[in-house]
N, C-alpha and C. Protein backbone atom coordinates (compact mmCIF):
# COMPACT_ATOMS: atom_id res chain seq x y z
N MET A 1 16.93 9.48 12.84
CA MET A 1 15.34 9.20 12.06
C MET A 1 15.00 8.66 13.34
N GLN A 2 13.68 9.28 13.03
CA GLN A 2 12.67 8.13 14.06
C GLN A 2 12.02 7.56 13.55
N GLU A 3 11.68 7.04 14.90
CA GLU A 3 11.72 5.39 14.71
C GLU A 3 10.28 5.48 13.77
N ARG A 4 9.24 6.00 13.67
CA ARG A 4 7.76 5.57 13.06
C ARG A 4 8.48 5.72 11.33
N VAL A 5 9.15 7.16 10.95
CA VAL A 5 9.96 6.73 9.53
C VAL A 5 10.86 4.77 8.98
N TYR A 6 11.60 5.65 10.45
CA TYR A 6 12.46 4.50 10.42
C TYR A 6 11.54 2.75 9.87
N LEU A 7 10.59 2.46 10.97
CA LEU A 7 9.65 1.52 10.25
C LEU A 7 8.73 1.39 9.63
N GLY A 8 8.92 2.73 9.15
CA GLY A 8 8.06 2.63 7.62
C GLY A 8 8.94 2.06 6.59
N ILE A 9 9.89 2.02 6.30
CA ILE A 9 11.21 1.67 5.10
C ILE A 9 11.24 0.56 5.42
N LEU A 10 11.54 0.71 6.93
CA LEU A 10 11.82 -1.18 6.89
C LEU A 10 10.44 -2.29 6.42
N TYR A 11 9.10 -1.14 6.63
CA TYR A 11 7.50 -2.28 6.31
C TYR A 11 8.01 -2.09 4.84
N ASP A 12 8.38 -1.32 3.83
CA ASP A 12 8.52 -1.31 2.53
C ASP A 12 9.55 -2.71 2.24
N TYR A 13 10.69 -2.78 3.04
CA TYR A 13 11.19 -3.75 2.35
C TYR A 13 11.04 -5.75 2.83
N TYR A 14 10.08 -5.21 3.73
CA TYR A 14 10.23 -6.57 4.75
C TYR A 14 8.76 -6.87 5.26
N GLY A 15 7.38 -5.78 4.87
CA GLY A 15 6.46 -6.08 5.18
C GLY A 15 5.94 -7.06 4.72
N GLU A 16 5.60 -7.98 3.18
CA GLU A 16 5.64 -8.25 3.09
C GLU A 16 5.87 -9.83 3.36
N LEU A 17 6.63 -9.80 4.36
CA LEU A 17 7.09 -11.43 5.64
C LEU A 17 6.11 -11.44 6.38
N LEU A 18 5.47 -10.36 6.59
CA LEU A 18 4.62 -10.19 7.91
C LEU A 18 2.95 -11.00 7.58
N SER A 19 2.52 -10.88 8.55
CA SER A 19 0.72 -11.80 8.33
C SER A 19 -0.10 -10.97 7.97
N ALA A 20 -0.51 -11.02 7.36
CA ALA A 20 -1.68 -10.73 6.55
C ALA A 20 -2.11 -9.46 7.49
N LYS A 21 -3.03 -10.03 9.10
CA LYS A 21 -3.09 -9.24 10.09
C LYS A 21 -2.13 -8.57 10.37
N GLN A 22 -1.33 -8.64 10.50
CA GLN A 22 0.18 -7.47 10.79
C GLN A 22 0.42 -6.59 9.78
N GLN A 23 -0.16 -6.54 8.41
CA GLN A 23 -0.15 -5.97 6.84
C GLN A 23 -0.82 -5.06 7.42
N GLU A 24 -2.32 -5.45 7.72
CA GLU A 24 -3.60 -4.78 7.77
C GLU A 24 -3.43 -3.45 8.68
N TYR A 25 -3.10 -4.18 9.82
CA TYR A 25 -3.48 -3.39 11.33
C TYR A 25 -2.04 -1.85 11.51
N PHE A 26 -0.57 -2.63 11.02
CA PHE A 26 0.30 -2.33 10.70
C PHE A 26 0.27 -0.38 9.76
N GLU A 27 -0.43 -1.31 8.81
CA GLU A 27 -0.55 0.35 7.51
C GLU A 27 -1.22 0.94 8.02
N LYS A 28 -3.19 0.80 8.91
CA LYS A 28 -3.90 1.43 9.45
C LYS A 28 -2.96 2.27 10.24
N TYR A 29 -2.20 2.29 11.23
CA TYR A 29 -1.30 2.67 12.64
C TYR A 29 -0.44 3.03 11.36
N TYR A 30 0.18 3.10 11.13
CA TYR A 30 1.69 3.88 10.78
C TYR A 30 0.97 4.79 9.72
N PHE A 31 0.65 4.84 8.51
CA PHE A 31 -0.03 5.07 7.15
C PHE A 31 -1.39 5.97 7.15
N ALA A 32 -1.98 5.47 7.48
CA ALA A 32 -3.08 5.98 7.61
C ALA A 32 -3.64 6.57 8.93
N ASN A 33 -3.04 6.68 9.59
CA ASN A 33 -2.82 6.93 11.03
C ASN A 33 -4.06 7.08 11.90
N LEU A 34 -4.90 5.88 12.27
CA LEU A 34 -5.98 5.70 13.07
C LEU A 34 -5.22 5.16 14.22
N SER A 35 -5.80 5.98 15.04
CA SER A 35 -5.77 5.18 16.43
C SER A 35 -5.74 3.73 16.96
N LEU A 36 -5.24 3.16 17.64
CA LEU A 36 -5.12 1.47 18.37
C LEU A 36 -7.07 0.93 18.23
N GLN A 37 -7.83 2.57 18.82
CA GLN A 37 -9.18 1.99 19.36
C GLN A 37 -9.82 1.82 17.57
N GLU A 38 -9.74 3.00 17.27
CA GLU A 38 -10.27 2.81 15.75
C GLU A 38 -10.01 1.71 14.73
N ILE A 39 -8.69 1.24 14.86
CA ILE A 39 -8.34 0.28 13.87
C ILE A 39 -9.42 -1.25 14.90
N ALA A 40 -9.56 -1.11 15.96
CA ALA A 40 -9.99 -2.23 16.63
C ALA A 40 -11.53 -2.17 16.48
N SER A 41 -12.21 -1.38 16.38
CA SER A 41 -13.64 -0.96 15.91
C SER A 41 -13.72 -1.45 14.68
N LEU A 42 -13.15 -0.86 13.61
CA LEU A 42 -13.19 -1.69 12.38
C LEU A 42 -12.46 -2.50 11.86
N PHE A 43 -11.94 -3.60 12.56
CA PHE A 43 -11.72 -5.26 12.98
C PHE A 43 -12.80 -5.57 13.59
N GLN A 44 -13.40 -5.27 14.67
CA GLN A 44 -14.18 -5.91 15.52
C GLN A 44 -13.32 -6.71 16.32
N VAL A 45 -12.02 -6.56 16.97
CA VAL A 45 -11.17 -6.46 18.14
C VAL A 45 -10.76 -6.00 18.84
N SER A 46 -10.46 -6.39 19.87
CA SER A 46 -10.08 -5.58 21.47
C SER A 46 -8.83 -4.76 20.67
N ARG A 47 -8.49 -3.37 21.44
CA ARG A 47 -7.80 -2.69 21.40
C ARG A 47 -6.29 -3.35 21.48
N ASN A 48 -6.41 -4.52 22.75
CA ASN A 48 -5.30 -5.18 23.09
C ASN A 48 -5.03 -5.85 22.02
N ALA A 49 -5.57 -6.39 21.11
CA ALA A 49 -5.39 -7.42 20.01
C ALA A 49 -4.26 -6.68 18.94
N VAL A 50 -4.68 -5.53 18.73
CA VAL A 50 -4.25 -4.70 17.45
C VAL A 50 -3.20 -4.54 18.11
N PHE A 51 -3.45 -3.95 19.29
CA PHE A 51 -2.02 -3.54 19.81
C PHE A 51 -0.97 -4.32 19.68
N LYS A 52 -1.38 -5.56 20.36
CA LYS A 52 0.07 -6.76 20.19
C LYS A 52 0.62 -7.50 18.68
N GLN A 53 -0.33 -6.88 17.88
CA GLN A 53 -0.36 -7.06 16.19
C GLN A 53 0.82 -6.34 16.06
N VAL A 54 0.11 -5.28 15.82
CA VAL A 54 1.50 -3.71 15.74
C VAL A 54 2.53 -3.85 16.31
N LYS A 55 2.96 -4.24 18.00
CA LYS A 55 4.35 -4.42 18.00
C LYS A 55 4.96 -5.52 17.42
N LYS A 56 3.80 -6.68 17.31
CA LYS A 56 4.97 -8.13 17.08
C LYS A 56 5.09 -7.92 15.59
N ALA A 57 4.23 -6.41 14.60
CA ALA A 57 4.65 -6.41 13.11
C ALA A 57 6.27 -5.44 13.25
N GLU A 58 6.58 -4.27 14.41
CA GLU A 58 7.86 -4.00 14.46
C GLU A 58 8.92 -4.24 15.25
N GLN A 59 8.20 -5.92 15.68
CA GLN A 59 9.59 -6.47 16.08
C GLN A 59 10.39 -7.46 15.59
N GLU A 60 8.92 -7.87 14.54
CA GLU A 60 9.79 -8.92 13.55
C GLU A 60 10.37 -7.75 12.91
N LEU A 61 9.78 -6.50 12.00
CA LEU A 61 10.43 -5.66 10.65
C LEU A 61 11.90 -5.24 11.42
N LEU A 62 12.07 -5.17 12.35
CA LEU A 62 13.31 -5.05 13.36
C LEU A 62 14.26 -5.63 13.54
N ALA A 63 13.66 -7.25 13.53
CA ALA A 63 14.83 -7.93 13.97
C ALA A 63 15.07 -8.86 11.82
N PHE A 64 14.15 -8.23 11.45
CA PHE A 64 15.07 -8.50 9.71
C PHE A 64 15.70 -7.82 9.13
N GLU A 65 15.90 -6.29 9.89
CA GLU A 65 16.55 -6.03 9.60
C GLU A 65 18.12 -5.70 10.19
N ASN A 66 17.82 -6.61 11.51
CA ASN A 66 19.08 -6.35 12.37
C ASN A 66 19.73 -8.37 11.96
N SER A 67 18.77 -9.18 10.71
CA SER A 67 19.91 -10.25 10.11
C SER A 67 19.63 -9.95 8.75
N LEU A 68 19.04 -8.97 8.43
CA LEU A 68 19.01 -8.75 6.68
C LEU A 68 19.73 -8.26 6.16
N HIS A 69 19.95 -6.56 6.42
CA HIS A 69 20.74 -5.29 6.75
C HIS A 69 20.18 -5.13 5.21
N LEU A 70 18.86 -5.36 4.22
CA LEU A 70 18.67 -5.21 3.33
C LEU A 70 18.98 -3.48 3.54
N TYR A 71 18.38 -2.53 4.02
CA TYR A 71 18.27 -1.18 4.52
C TYR A 71 19.76 -0.44 4.46
N ASN A 72 20.43 -1.33 5.44
CA ASN A 72 21.56 -1.04 5.63
C ASN A 72 22.13 -1.06 4.22
N LYS A 73 22.06 -1.93 3.48
CA LYS A 73 23.08 -2.54 2.54
C LYS A 73 22.56 -1.48 1.29
N ASP A 74 21.50 -1.01 1.16
CA ASP A 74 20.59 0.14 0.17
C ASP A 74 21.27 1.81 0.37
N GLN A 75 21.56 1.66 1.65
CA GLN A 75 22.10 2.87 2.37
C GLN A 75 22.99 3.13 1.82
N GLU A 76 24.63 2.20 2.36
CA GLU A 76 26.00 2.45 1.63
C GLU A 76 26.31 2.46 0.04
N LEU A 77 25.53 1.71 -0.31
CA LEU A 77 25.44 1.76 -1.83
C LEU A 77 24.74 2.96 -2.82
N GLU A 78 23.95 3.74 -1.72
CA GLU A 78 23.85 5.33 -2.27
C GLU A 78 24.98 5.59 -1.92
N LYS A 79 25.73 5.67 -0.89
CA LYS A 79 26.65 6.95 -0.98
C LYS A 79 28.35 6.55 -1.55
N ILE A 80 28.33 4.98 -1.66
CA ILE A 80 28.77 4.62 -2.93
C ILE A 80 28.98 5.31 -4.75
N ILE A 81 27.59 5.15 -4.55
CA ILE A 81 27.52 5.23 -6.33
C ILE A 81 27.41 6.86 -6.17
N LYS A 82 27.33 8.34 -5.31
CA LYS A 82 27.67 9.36 -5.14
C LYS A 82 29.16 9.79 -5.11
N GLU A 83 29.76 8.51 -5.14
CA GLU A 83 31.39 8.86 -5.32
C GLU A 83 31.51 8.59 -6.77
N VAL A 84 31.17 7.50 -7.33
CA VAL A 84 31.65 7.15 -8.68
C VAL A 84 31.09 8.66 -9.66
N SER A 85 33.02 8.36 -10.44
CA SER A 85 32.35 9.43 -11.39
C SER A 85 32.23 8.58 -12.92
N ASP A 86 32.30 7.76 -12.68
CA ASP A 86 32.38 6.94 -14.08
C ASP A 86 30.16 6.92 -14.64
N PRO A 87 29.77 7.58 -15.07
CA PRO A 87 28.84 7.50 -15.61
C PRO A 87 28.17 6.18 -15.93
N LEU A 88 28.66 5.37 -16.77
CA LEU A 88 28.37 4.17 -17.30
C LEU A 88 28.00 3.20 -16.48
N LEU A 89 29.18 3.16 -15.14
CA LEU A 89 29.25 2.75 -13.64
C LEU A 89 28.16 2.83 -12.61
N LYS A 90 28.07 4.14 -12.42
CA LYS A 90 27.18 5.07 -12.14
C LYS A 90 25.70 4.23 -12.12
N GLU A 91 25.40 4.26 -14.05
CA GLU A 91 24.12 4.33 -14.09
C GLU A 91 24.00 2.64 -14.19
N LYS A 92 24.86 1.71 -13.79
CA LYS A 92 24.81 0.05 -13.76
C LYS A 92 24.07 0.13 -12.14
N LEU A 93 24.82 1.20 -11.79
CA LEU A 93 25.44 0.59 -9.75
C LEU A 93 23.61 1.51 -9.41
N GLU A 94 22.94 2.25 -10.38
CA GLU A 94 21.89 3.05 -9.66
C GLU A 94 20.68 2.08 -9.88
N LYS A 95 21.10 1.10 -11.47
CA LYS A 95 20.05 -0.26 -11.17
C LYS A 95 19.69 -0.83 -10.73
N LEU A 96 21.07 -1.12 -9.58
CA LEU A 96 20.86 -2.51 -9.06
C LEU A 96 19.71 -1.93 -7.68
N LEU A 97 19.43 -0.63 -7.50
CA LEU A 97 18.30 -0.04 -6.19
C LEU A 97 17.25 -0.01 -6.46
N LYS A 98 17.03 0.01 -7.89
CA LYS A 98 15.46 -0.33 -8.29
C LYS A 98 15.01 -1.69 -8.34
């Protein structure tokens, strides 16, 4: 999986744990596809300040997943659900993923 996609997925899981500034910069960089310079201009800060916040957010997202493994656990649960033949049990397990 591409790192960009993986970080976007991790953001869905752990984004709320980042600071407001990290969230803004991360979303602009990864989801709005703005350059670091465009974000810097938008928030009237230096390009380096944006770079540091985005990198810190990336590191924190990876650290959260390394500690909590929420994404990996969801992936494993999806694999198990595919193998379950009991429709009632399958439905209950699928509800856990939502």
